[in-house]
Amino acid sequence: MDVMPLLLLVAGSAAVAAAARRTPAPAPLLLVAVGLAVSYIPGVPSYTLDPHIVLPLLLPPLLYTSASDSSYLDLRAQMRPVALLSVGYVLFATVVVGWAAYLIIPGLSLTAALVLGAVVAPPDAVAATAVARRVGLPSRITTILQGESLLNDATAITAYKVALGAAVGEGATWGGGIREFALAAVGGVGIGLVLMAPLHWLRTHLTEPLLQNTLSLLIPFVAYGVAEQAHASGVLAVVVVALYLGHRAWEVDFATRLQEGAVWKMVAFVLESAVFALIGLQLPIVLKRLGKYEGTSAAWYAVAVFLVVVVARFVWVYPATFLPRILSTRIKEREQNPTWRGAMVTSWAGMRGVVSLAIAFAIPPTMPAGPRNLILFLTFTTVIGTLVVQGVTLPPLIRLLKFPGRDRQAETLAEANAQAQASRAAEARLDELLADERNTLPQPLADRLRMVLERRRNAVWERLGQVNPITGESVDDTYRRLSREMIGAEREVFVRLRDLRYIDDEMLRALLRRLDLEEAAAYREAG
């Protein structure tokens, strides 16, 4: 097996995505453009994906990292609107987009059109939630968008499997599809519930961070594989396990949490970058294989499908936002009043992304080549179109609608009060421990423990103060800068002593790690 093309893909996509951070261009669009340009270079290998491994390889880690960073409590509080979007809207979009494609595209069967509908139905709210946090969108809308992106994949994949079965002549029926969806949903949640406690027990009883993080990398694939073997929803199994483990992450060793966060950020970055690069690399191949659909007609089909995708979300979101409150007094009393502005942002934040691409890549070659490549092409154009049109305009739209900003003062006060309560408990525990002669410490070390505690307690309150009138820095910024300067001076001395052979490299690495941990602690204390 030649691994060089794979290494080039990963390295190249990561480099382009990193460069995109220094430009105003969204990383996915730059990746697609570079991939398209590279595909025309003579000698570039042809990248083909095995449809049988695309979903099991891409979806579990992406779902796991997103779900483990989500709030189980917030998601539970917003479960009704999340369910309306993740189940109701996805099925609605599948039917509407599929029926529209069937009417618009001559010669495209209804079953193949419904496959397209299922592929482009699930929005990927990663970009939307990142924008929402950056511009201060209300937390309720952010939670709904994030919850939708976690749970809608199961609905879309089940609808895709039913439509695909009909398209390739496997005799699937809508009655059987509904039954399959119910069994997949119940089975996926059930398997997730069964696996989550043993996996958490194993995580907390492994003593080596390296082993704990190895387990962390295996967990999403294990949950997905077990559920799929039982003909249940692997997506829901991964989400349930990840939500539980994320909710109980505080019980895991701190070193594991630090390593795990960095590892999963890297995995998500590499996978997402590679998938968007593959669009550009495969687009010329797909265009050549459109057959009777090629030419300007394909461009018009792409525009039509994109418009249907955008409009269908508005058609669903507004009634789903306001009708339940009109029809149910209980909902009206229990939930806060939604606004047309919130519905507008939710409707416009329907960008498609990696999940749609992964499902499209998974379409087997048993589907006729013409419809299969047309679905791939229309998926590519829909993803790119939503990222360009909606992704670029979402931040200015949010600013234009003038949502009430988050009360940073109140949030900081709440954080300070929480820290004060925790510090009092820590101080009481320290006094209790030092009263035991088995825990006797020299006074300077005991004072240092109290000083660290005092610094942590005061750090949040200091954020409420004024900035430095000379430098314009906040107290946090000044503290971090001075800490970095002091630690940097120590680091230079250690390196010089190593170069003079006064200490060896092993000792240097130990000393540098100690400084790295202190620098991380200083950064967090001030943050």
Protein backbone atom coordinates (compact mmCIF):
# COMPACT_ATOMS: atom_id res chain seq x y z
CA MET A 1 0.00 0.00 0.00
CA ASP A 2 1.42 3.39 -1.03
CA VAL A 3 1.07 5.74 1.94
CA MET A 4 2.73 8.72 0.27
CA PRO A 5 -0.50 10.13 -1.27
CA LEU A 6 -2.17 9.96 2.15
CA LEU A 7 0.75 11.69 3.84
CA LEU A 8 0.76 14.39 1.15
CA LEU A 9 -2.98 14.91 1.59
CA VAL A 10 -2.76 15.28 5.36
CA ALA A 11 0.34 17.48 5.30
CA GLY A 12 -0.89 19.65 2.45
CA SER A 13 -4.40 20.18 3.83
CA ALA A 14 -3.03 21.00 7.29
CA ALA A 15 -0.61 23.54 5.82
CA VAL A 16 -3.35 25.23 3.78
CA ALA A 17 -5.73 25.32 6.74
CA ALA A 18 -3.02 26.85 8.91
CA ALA A 19 -2.24 29.47 6.24
CA ALA A 20 -5.96 30.30 5.99
CA ARG A 21 -5.88 31.54 9.57
CA ARG A 22 -3.68 34.41 8.41
CA THR A 23 -6.09 35.42 5.64
CA PRO A 24 -9.70 36.64 5.68
CA ALA A 25 -10.71 33.66 3.52
CA PRO A 26 -12.57 30.84 5.33
CA ALA A 27 -10.36 27.78 5.63
CA PRO A 28 -12.82 25.34 3.92
CA LEU A 29 -13.04 27.55 0.82
CA LEU A 30 -9.28 27.94 0.56
CA LEU A 31 -8.84 24.18 0.96
CA VAL A 32 -11.31 23.50 -1.85
CA ALA A 33 -9.64 26.07 -4.12
CA VAL A 34 -6.13 24.73 -3.50
CA GLY A 35 -7.31 21.14 -3.91
CA LEU A 36 -8.93 22.04 -7.22
CA ALA A 37 -5.75 23.76 -8.45
CA VAL A 38 -3.54 20.85 -7.35
CA SER A 39 -5.79 18.32 -9.09
CA TYR A 40 -4.71 19.75 -12.47
CA ILE A 41 -0.98 19.37 -11.77
CA PRO A 42 0.47 16.46 -13.79
CA GLY A 43 1.48 13.52 -11.64
CA VAL A 44 -0.86 14.26 -8.72
CA PRO A 45 -2.31 10.93 -7.58
CA SER A 46 -6.02 10.23 -7.91
CA TYR A 47 -7.63 10.17 -4.48
CA THR A 48 -10.43 7.65 -4.14
CA LEU A 49 -12.17 6.72 -0.92
CA ASP A 50 -13.60 3.33 -0.03
CA PRO A 51 -17.31 4.05 0.61
CA HIS A 52 -17.42 1.32 3.25
CA ILE A 53 -14.88 3.02 5.51
CA VAL A 54 -15.73 6.70 5.03
CA LEU A 55 -18.49 6.98 7.62
CA PRO A 56 -16.81 4.73 10.25
CA LEU A 57 -13.51 6.59 9.78
CA LEU A 58 -14.69 10.23 9.69
CA LEU A 59 -17.88 10.51 11.72
CA PRO A 60 -17.00 8.94 15.11
CA PRO A 61 -14.04 11.22 15.99
CA LEU A 62 -15.75 14.38 14.71
CA LEU A 63 -18.93 13.62 16.65
CA TYR A 64 -17.03 12.64 19.77
CA THR A 65 -14.95 15.80 20.00
CA SER A 66 -18.00 18.00 19.38
CA ALA A 67 -20.26 16.17 21.85
CA SER A 68 -17.68 15.94 24.62
CA ASP A 69 -17.32 19.75 24.51
CA SER A 70 -21.10 20.25 24.70
CA SER A 71 -23.16 20.83 27.83
CA TYR A 72 -25.42 17.91 28.71
CA LEU A 73 -27.46 20.10 31.07
CA ASP A 74 -27.99 22.87 28.52
CA LEU A 75 -28.83 20.35 25.82
CA ARG A 76 -31.39 18.64 28.04
CA ALA A 77 -33.02 21.99 28.82
CA GLN A 78 -33.46 22.71 25.08
CA MET A 79 -34.36 19.19 23.98
CA ARG A 80 -37.75 20.08 22.42
CA PRO A 81 -36.46 22.67 19.91
CA VAL A 82 -33.36 20.54 19.30
CA ALA A 83 -35.55 17.52 18.48
CA LEU A 84 -37.72 19.58 16.12
CA LEU A 85 -34.60 20.57 14.18
CA SER A 86 -32.53 17.39 14.41
CA VAL A 87 -35.40 15.03 13.53
CA GLY A 88 -38.31 17.03 12.13
CA TYR A 89 -36.33 19.44 10.00
CA VAL A 90 -33.94 16.81 8.62
CA LEU A 91 -36.82 14.62 7.44
CA PHE A 92 -38.63 17.67 6.06
CA ALA A 93 -35.51 18.83 4.19
CA THR A 94 -34.90 15.31 2.86
CA VAL A 95 -38.37 15.15 1.32
CA VAL A 96 -38.50 18.78 0.09
CA VAL A 97 -35.03 18.82 -1.46
CA GLY A 98 -35.50 15.34 -2.90
CA TRP A 99 -38.88 16.14 -4.44
CA ALA A 100 -37.60 19.45 -5.83
CA ALA A 101 -34.56 17.74 -7.38
CA TYR A 102 -36.83 15.08 -8.89
CA LEU A 103 -38.96 17.78 -10.53
CA ILE A 104 -36.04 19.98 -11.63
CA ILE A 105 -33.55 17.41 -12.96
CA PRO A 106 -34.76 15.38 -15.96
CA GLY A 107 -34.10 11.67 -15.75
CA LEU A 108 -33.24 11.65 -12.03
CA SER A 109 -35.29 8.99 -10.24
CA LEU A 110 -37.23 9.91 -7.12
CA THR A 111 -35.21 7.47 -5.00
CA ALA A 112 -31.89 8.95 -6.18
CA ALA A 113 -33.27 12.46 -5.57
CA LEU A 114 -34.20 11.46 -2.01
CA VAL A 115 -30.65 10.18 -1.51
CA LEU A 116 -29.48 13.68 -2.43
CA GLY A 117 -32.05 15.17 -0.04
CA ALA A 118 -30.82 13.04 2.84
CA VAL A 119 -27.17 13.85 2.10
CA VAL A 120 -27.62 17.63 2.18
CA ALA A 121 -30.29 17.68 4.92
CA PRO A 122 -28.14 17.89 8.09
CA PRO A 123 -26.59 21.30 8.84
CA ASP A 124 -23.15 21.34 10.39
CA ALA A 125 -23.32 24.01 13.09
CA VAL A 126 -19.61 23.98 14.01
CA ALA A 127 -18.96 27.21 12.12
CA ALA A 128 -22.24 28.73 13.28
CA THR A 129 -21.59 28.06 16.97
CA ALA A 130 -18.04 29.42 16.66
CA VAL A 131 -19.45 32.63 15.22
CA ALA A 132 -22.20 32.70 17.85
CA ARG A 133 -19.71 32.57 20.71
CA ARG A 134 -17.44 35.16 19.11
CA VAL A 135 -20.16 37.76 18.57
CA GLY A 136 -22.01 37.05 21.83
CA LEU A 137 -25.18 35.35 20.56
CA PRO A 138 -27.57 34.32 23.37
CA SER A 139 -26.56 30.98 24.87
CA ARG A 140 -29.97 29.42 24.16
CA ILE A 141 -29.56 29.80 20.39
CA THR A 142 -25.98 28.55 20.56
CA THR A 143 -27.10 25.46 22.50
CA ILE A 144 -29.91 24.73 20.02
CA LEU A 145 -27.57 24.97 17.03
CA GLN A 146 -24.95 22.80 18.69
CA GLY A 147 -27.50 20.22 19.82
CA GLU A 148 -28.99 20.07 16.35
CA SER A 149 -25.61 19.37 14.76
CA LEU A 150 -24.97 16.52 17.22
CA LEU A 151 -28.25 14.67 16.74
CA ASN A 152 -29.30 15.40 13.16
CA ASP A 153 -26.65 13.11 11.70
CA ALA A 154 -28.47 10.00 12.97
CA THR A 155 -31.69 11.09 11.25
CA ALA A 156 -29.92 11.95 8.01
CA ILE A 157 -27.92 8.72 7.86
CA THR A 158 -31.01 6.59 8.50
CA ALA A 159 -32.99 8.45 5.82
CA TYR A 160 -30.00 8.09 3.51
CA LYS A 161 -29.81 4.32 4.04
CA VAL A 162 -33.53 3.88 3.32
CA ALA A 163 -33.42 6.02 0.16
CA LEU A 164 -30.19 4.37 -0.98
CA GLY A 165 -31.68 0.92 -0.53
CA ALA A 166 -34.57 1.91 -2.79
CA ALA A 167 -32.23 3.56 -5.30
CA VAL A 168 -30.04 0.47 -5.75
CA GLY A 169 -33.00 -1.89 -5.85
CA GLU A 170 -32.81 -3.44 -2.40
CA GLY A 171 -36.55 -3.19 -1.88
CA ALA A 172 -36.60 -0.65 0.94
CA THR A 173 -40.01 0.79 1.83
CA TRP A 174 -41.08 3.86 3.77
CA GLY A 175 -42.83 1.70 6.37
CA GLY A 176 -39.65 -0.29 6.78
CA GLY A 177 -37.70 2.94 6.89
CA ILE A 178 -39.77 4.30 9.76
CA ARG A 179 -39.32 1.03 11.62
CA GLU A 180 -35.58 1.06 10.91
CA PHE A 181 -35.31 4.65 12.15
CA ALA A 182 -37.12 3.84 15.42
CA LEU A 183 -35.00 0.75 16.05
CA ALA A 184 -31.79 2.56 15.15
CA ALA A 185 -32.59 5.47 17.45
CA VAL A 186 -33.63 3.35 20.42
CA GLY A 187 -30.78 0.91 19.88
CA GLY A 188 -28.17 3.66 19.49
CA VAL A 189 -29.23 5.43 22.66
CA GLY A 190 -29.47 2.11 24.52
CA ILE A 191 -26.00 0.97 23.49
CA GLY A 192 -24.60 4.35 24.43
CA LEU A 193 -26.19 4.09 27.87
CA VAL A 194 -24.78 0.59 28.33
CA LEU A 195 -21.24 1.55 27.29
CA MET A 196 -20.86 4.93 28.99
CA ALA A 197 -20.47 3.81 32.61
CA PRO A 198 -17.92 1.00 31.98
CA LEU A 199 -15.89 3.25 29.70
CA HIS A 200 -15.88 6.02 32.30
CA TRP A 201 -14.86 3.53 35.01
CA LEU A 202 -11.99 2.34 32.82
CA ARG A 203 -10.88 5.92 32.15
CA THR A 204 -10.79 6.79 35.83
CA HIS A 205 -8.96 3.60 36.84
CA LEU A 206 -6.15 3.78 34.30
CA THR A 207 -3.21 5.46 36.02
CA GLU A 208 -1.15 6.51 33.00
CA PRO A 209 -2.27 9.56 30.97
CA LEU A 210 -0.81 7.91 27.86
CA LEU A 211 -3.06 4.87 28.32
CA GLN A 212 -6.05 7.06 29.16
CA ASN A 213 -5.62 9.05 25.96
CA THR A 214 -5.15 5.91 23.91
CA LEU A 215 -8.47 4.73 25.29
CA SER A 216 -9.98 8.13 24.51
CA LEU A 217 -8.99 7.74 20.84
CA LEU A 218 -10.59 4.29 20.71
CA ILE A 219 -13.86 5.14 22.48
CA PRO A 220 -15.75 6.75 19.56
CA PHE A 221 -14.82 3.93 17.19
CA VAL A 222 -15.80 1.29 19.75
CA ALA A 223 -19.18 2.92 20.43
CA TYR A 224 -19.88 3.41 16.73
CA GLY A 225 -18.76 -0.10 15.76
CA VAL A 226 -20.74 -1.89 18.49
CA ALA A 227 -23.92 0.01 17.61
CA GLU A 228 -23.55 -0.55 13.87
CA GLN A 229 -22.95 -4.26 14.40
CA ALA A 230 -26.26 -4.36 16.27
CA HIS A 231 -27.94 -2.44 13.38
CA ALA A 232 -28.43 0.54 15.67
CA SER A 233 -27.38 4.16 15.23
CA GLY A 234 -23.65 4.45 15.74
CA VAL A 235 -24.01 8.24 15.68
CA LEU A 236 -26.35 8.30 18.66
CA ALA A 237 -24.22 5.80 20.55
CA VAL A 238 -21.14 8.03 20.12
CA VAL A 239 -23.07 11.16 21.13
CA VAL A 240 -24.53 9.57 24.28
CA VAL A 241 -21.14 8.22 25.39
CA ALA A 242 -19.36 11.52 24.63
CA LEU A 243 -21.95 13.64 26.47
CA TYR A 244 -21.63 11.42 29.55
CA LEU A 245 -17.84 11.37 29.52
CA GLY A 246 -17.69 15.12 28.93
CA HIS A 247 -20.11 15.69 31.82
CA ARG A 248 -17.89 13.58 34.12
CA ALA A 249 -14.53 14.76 32.73
CA TRP A 250 -13.68 16.43 36.05
CA GLU A 251 -13.17 12.98 37.58
CA VAL A 252 -10.25 12.24 35.24
CA ASP A 253 -6.63 13.11 36.05
CA PHE A 254 -5.63 16.67 35.10
CA ALA A 255 -2.74 15.50 32.90
CA THR A 256 -5.18 13.37 30.90
CA ARG A 257 -7.53 16.30 30.40
CA LEU A 258 -4.71 18.55 29.17
CA GLN A 259 -3.39 15.95 26.74
CA GLU A 260 -6.85 14.87 25.61
CA GLY A 261 -7.92 18.39 24.69
CA ALA A 262 -4.85 18.90 22.53
CA VAL A 263 -5.12 15.47 20.89
CA TRP A 264 -8.77 15.83 19.90
CA LYS A 265 -8.28 19.35 18.56
CA MET A 266 -5.53 17.98 16.33
CA VAL A 267 -7.64 15.03 15.14
CA ALA A 268 -10.63 17.24 14.28
CA PHE A 269 -8.38 19.76 12.53
CA VAL A 270 -6.70 17.12 10.36
CA LEU A 271 -9.90 15.29 9.40
CA GLU A 272 -11.91 18.41 8.57
CA SER A 273 -9.03 19.88 6.56
CA ALA A 274 -8.51 16.66 4.60
CA VAL A 275 -12.22 16.31 3.74
CA PHE A 276 -12.48 19.81 2.30
CA ALA A 277 -9.25 19.32 0.37
CA LEU A 278 -10.75 16.15 -1.11
CA ILE A 279 -13.63 18.18 -2.55
CA GLY A 280 -11.21 20.16 -4.68
CA LEU A 281 -9.18 17.10 -5.62
CA GLN A 282 -12.24 15.07 -6.68
CA LEU A 283 -14.30 17.83 -8.27
CA PRO A 284 -12.68 17.56 -11.75
CA ILE A 285 -13.19 13.79 -11.71
CA VAL A 286 -16.84 14.17 -10.71
CA LEU A 287 -17.41 16.81 -13.41
CA LYS A 288 -16.00 14.49 -16.08
CA ARG A 289 -18.35 11.70 -15.02
CA LEU A 290 -21.61 13.65 -14.93
CA GLY A 291 -22.55 12.18 -18.30
CA LYS A 292 -25.84 13.60 -19.56
CA TYR A 293 -25.95 16.06 -16.64
CA GLU A 294 -22.73 17.88 -17.57
CA GLY A 295 -22.45 21.42 -18.90
CA THR A 296 -24.34 24.55 -17.90
CA SER A 297 -27.32 22.43 -16.89
CA ALA A 298 -25.35 21.09 -13.92
CA ALA A 299 -24.62 24.66 -12.77
CA TRP A 300 -28.31 25.56 -12.90
CA TYR A 301 -29.19 22.40 -10.97
CA ALA A 302 -26.61 23.38 -8.32
CA VAL A 303 -28.12 26.87 -7.93
CA ALA A 304 -31.65 25.45 -7.73
CA VAL A 305 -30.74 22.85 -5.07
CA PHE A 306 -28.88 25.48 -3.03
CA LEU A 307 -31.91 27.82 -3.08
CA VAL A 308 -34.26 25.01 -2.09
CA VAL A 309 -31.97 24.06 0.81
CA VAL A 310 -31.87 27.65 2.09
CA VAL A 311 -35.61 28.37 1.69
CA ALA A 312 -36.70 25.03 3.17
CA ARG A 313 -34.98 25.86 6.45
CA PHE A 314 -36.88 29.13 6.77
CA VAL A 315 -40.13 27.32 5.94
CA TRP A 316 -39.51 24.88 8.79
CA VAL A 317 -37.86 27.03 11.46
CA TYR A 318 -40.41 29.83 11.80
CA PRO A 319 -43.50 27.60 12.31
CA ALA A 320 -41.49 25.22 14.52
CA THR A 321 -40.42 28.19 16.66
CA PHE A 322 -43.79 29.85 17.21
CA LEU A 323 -46.55 27.26 16.61
CA PRO A 324 -45.79 25.06 19.66
CA ARG A 325 -46.23 28.09 21.95
CA ILE A 326 -49.55 28.90 20.31
CA LEU A 327 -50.80 25.32 20.54
CA SER A 328 -49.51 24.45 24.02
CA THR A 329 -49.98 26.55 27.15
CA ARG A 330 -47.52 24.32 28.99
CA ILE A 331 -44.72 25.11 26.52
CA LYS A 332 -45.56 28.80 26.72
CA GLU A 333 -45.26 28.76 30.50
CA ARG A 334 -42.09 26.64 30.71
CA GLU A 335 -39.95 28.14 27.95
CA GLN A 336 -38.75 31.66 27.39
CA ASN A 337 -40.38 33.67 24.64
CA PRO A 338 -38.59 33.25 21.27
CA THR A 339 -38.05 36.22 18.99
CA TRP A 340 -38.17 36.62 15.23
CA ARG A 341 -34.50 37.60 15.36
CA GLY A 342 -33.56 34.30 16.97
CA ALA A 343 -35.56 32.42 14.34
CA MET A 344 -33.83 34.44 11.61
CA VAL A 345 -30.35 33.52 12.86
CA THR A 346 -31.33 29.87 13.36
CA SER A 347 -32.69 29.76 9.81
CA TRP A 348 -29.61 31.40 8.28
CA ALA A 349 -27.16 29.29 10.31
CA GLY A 350 -27.85 26.24 8.16
CA MET A 351 -24.41 25.75 6.66
CA ARG A 352 -23.64 22.27 5.42
CA GLY A 353 -20.26 20.76 6.14
CA VAL A 354 -18.20 17.67 6.81
CA VAL A 355 -21.11 15.34 7.64
CA SER A 356 -22.81 15.88 4.28
CA LEU A 357 -19.48 15.33 2.53
CA ALA A 358 -18.81 12.13 4.47
CA ILE A 359 -22.25 10.72 3.60
CA ALA A 360 -21.80 11.67 -0.07
CA PHE A 361 -18.39 10.01 -0.23
CA ALA A 362 -19.98 6.87 1.25
CA ILE A 363 -22.42 6.36 -1.65
CA PRO A 364 -21.46 2.92 -3.02
CA PRO A 365 -20.58 2.29 -6.67
CA THR A 366 -23.64 0.03 -6.93
CA MET A 367 -25.63 3.22 -7.62
CA PRO A 368 -25.55 4.14 -11.34
CA ALA A 369 -22.52 6.33 -12.09
CA GLY A 370 -24.48 9.27 -13.53
CA PRO A 371 -26.77 9.88 -10.54
CA ARG A 372 -23.99 9.05 -8.07
CA ASN A 373 -21.63 11.65 -9.50
CA LEU A 374 -24.45 14.19 -9.84
CA ILE A 375 -25.25 13.75 -6.14
CA LEU A 376 -21.57 14.20 -5.28
CA PHE A 377 -21.40 17.34 -7.43
CA LEU A 378 -24.57 18.85 -5.96
CA THR A 379 -23.37 18.04 -2.44
CA PHE A 380 -20.07 19.78 -3.12
CA THR A 381 -21.78 22.87 -4.53
CA THR A 382 -24.34 23.02 -1.72
CA VAL A 383 -21.66 22.80 0.96
CA ILE A 384 -19.51 25.42 -0.75
CA GLY A 385 -22.52 27.65 -1.44
CA THR A 386 -23.75 27.63 2.15
CA LEU A 387 -20.25 28.24 3.49
CA VAL A 388 -19.74 31.19 1.13
CA VAL A 389 -23.17 32.82 1.25
CA GLN A 390 -24.37 32.00 4.76
CA GLY A 391 -21.04 31.53 6.51
CA VAL A 392 -19.60 34.85 5.36
CA THR A 393 -22.78 36.85 5.99
CA LEU A 394 -23.78 35.32 9.34
CA PRO A 395 -21.56 37.56 11.55
CA PRO A 396 -22.75 40.84 9.97
CA LEU A 397 -26.34 39.57 10.12
CA ILE A 398 -26.02 38.93 13.85
CA ARG A 399 -24.55 42.39 14.36
CA LEU A 400 -27.28 43.97 12.22
CA LEU A 401 -30.03 42.33 14.28
CA LYS A 402 -28.49 43.83 17.44
CA PHE A 403 -29.00 41.02 19.89
CA PRO A 404 -28.65 42.13 23.50
CA GLY A 405 -25.04 41.46 24.42
CA ARG A 406 -23.98 39.06 27.12
CA ASP A 407 -23.67 40.65 30.55
CA ARG A 408 -19.92 40.17 31.04
CA GLN A 409 -20.04 41.97 34.39
CA ALA A 410 -22.65 39.57 35.76
CA GLU A 411 -20.76 36.56 34.38
CA THR A 412 -17.52 37.72 36.02
CA LEU A 413 -19.30 38.31 39.33
CA ALA A 414 -20.79 34.81 39.20
CA GLU A 415 -17.35 33.35 38.43
CA ALA A 416 -15.77 35.34 41.28
CA ASN A 417 -18.39 34.16 43.77
CA ALA A 418 -17.93 30.56 42.68
CA GLN A 419 -14.16 30.89 43.04
CA ALA A 420 -14.56 32.47 46.47
CA GLN A 421 -16.65 29.54 47.71
CA ALA A 422 -14.17 27.04 46.30
CA SER A 423 -11.24 28.93 47.85
CA ARG A 424 -12.85 28.91 51.28
CA ALA A 425 -13.31 25.15 51.04
CA ALA A 426 -9.69 24.72 49.90
CA GLU A 427 -8.40 26.92 52.72
CA ALA A 428 -10.37 24.98 55.31
CA ARG A 429 -9.02 21.72 53.91
CA LEU A 430 -5.45 23.10 53.98
CA ASP A 431 -5.82 24.13 57.64
CA GLU A 432 -7.14 20.68 58.45
CA LEU A 433 -4.23 18.97 56.71
CA LEU A 434 -1.54 21.20 58.22
CA ALA A 435 -2.93 20.58 61.70
CA ASP A 436 -1.85 16.94 61.29
CA GLU A 437 1.82 16.52 62.19
CA ARG A 438 2.20 14.00 59.36
CA ASN A 439 1.69 16.90 56.94
CA THR A 440 4.20 19.29 58.51
CA LEU A 441 5.75 21.67 55.99
CA PRO A 442 8.40 24.38 56.33
CA GLN A 443 6.67 27.70 56.76
CA PRO A 444 7.78 29.10 53.35
CA LEU A 445 6.14 26.16 51.58
CA ALA A 446 2.94 26.46 53.62
CA ASP A 447 2.87 30.18 52.84
CA ARG A 448 3.34 29.41 49.18
CA LEU A 449 0.26 27.18 49.18
CA ARG A 450 -1.75 29.98 50.75
CA MET A 451 -0.31 32.53 48.32
CA VAL A 452 -1.33 30.44 45.30
CA LEU A 453 -4.82 30.09 46.75
CA GLU A 454 -5.02 33.82 47.39
CA ARG A 455 -3.89 34.59 43.85
CA ARG A 456 -6.54 32.30 42.39
CA ARG A 457 -9.23 33.86 44.57
CA ASN A 458 -8.31 37.44 43.64
CA ALA A 459 -7.67 36.86 39.94
CA VAL A 460 -11.33 36.96 38.91
CA TRP A 461 -12.09 40.06 40.99
CA GLU A 462 -9.13 41.84 39.41
CA ARG A 463 -10.72 41.41 35.98
CA LEU A 464 -13.37 43.89 37.08
CA GLY A 465 -10.74 46.59 37.54
CA GLN A 466 -9.53 49.27 35.14
CA VAL A 467 -6.91 48.74 32.46
CA ASN A 468 -3.40 50.11 32.82
CA PRO A 469 -3.59 53.77 31.71
CA ILE A 470 -0.09 53.63 30.17
CA THR A 471 -0.09 50.32 28.31
CA GLY A 472 -3.82 49.76 27.91
CA GLU A 473 -3.36 46.22 29.27
CA SER A 474 -5.76 44.56 31.65
CA VAL A 475 -4.46 43.08 34.90
CA ASP A 476 -4.65 39.64 33.30
CA ASP A 477 -2.57 40.68 30.31
CA THR A 478 0.11 42.28 32.49
CA TYR A 479 0.29 39.25 34.77
CA ARG A 480 0.66 36.86 31.84
CA ARG A 481 3.28 39.03 30.15
CA LEU A 482 5.43 39.35 33.26
CA SER A 483 5.12 35.60 33.94
CA ARG A 484 6.24 34.80 30.40
CA GLU A 485 9.19 37.19 30.68
CA MET A 486 10.37 35.65 33.98
CA ILE A 487 9.96 32.08 32.74
CA GLY A 488 11.63 33.00 29.45
CA ALA A 489 14.67 34.25 31.34
CA GLU A 490 14.88 30.97 33.26
CA ARG A 491 14.50 28.98 30.05
CA GLU A 492 17.42 30.81 28.42
CA VAL A 493 19.67 30.02 31.40
CA PHE A 494 18.77 26.32 31.30
CA VAL A 495 19.53 26.14 27.56
CA ARG A 496 22.86 27.94 28.04
CA LEU A 497 23.84 25.55 30.83
CA ARG A 498 23.00 22.62 28.56
CA ASP A 499 25.12 24.09 25.77
CA LEU A 500 28.01 24.45 28.26
CA ARG A 501 27.52 20.74 29.18
CA TYR A 502 26.78 21.68 32.80
CA ILE A 503 23.49 19.75 32.54
CA ASP A 504 22.49 17.11 30.00
CA ASP A 505 19.51 17.04 27.65
CA GLU A 506 17.47 14.76 29.89
CA MET A 507 17.72 17.21 32.77
CA LEU A 508 16.98 20.10 30.38
CA ARG A 509 13.75 18.43 29.25
CA ALA A 510 12.69 17.88 32.87
CA LEU A 511 13.39 21.52 33.77
CA LEU A 512 11.65 22.84 30.67
CA ARG A 513 8.57 20.72 31.35
CA ARG A 514 8.39 22.18 34.85
CA LEU A 515 8.54 25.68 33.39
CA ASP A 516 5.91 24.79 30.78
CA LEU A 517 3.52 23.66 33.51
CA GLU A 518 4.17 26.82 35.51
CA GLU A 519 3.57 28.97 32.44
CA ALA A 520 0.32 27.13 31.72
CA ALA A 521 -0.75 27.60 35.34
CA ALA A 522 0.06 31.32 35.21
CA TYR A 523 -1.90 31.68 31.99
CA ARG A 524 -4.95 29.92 33.45
CA GLU A 525 -4.83 31.86 36.71
CA ALA A 526 -4.95 35.12 34.81
CA GLY A 527 -7.47 33.88 32.24
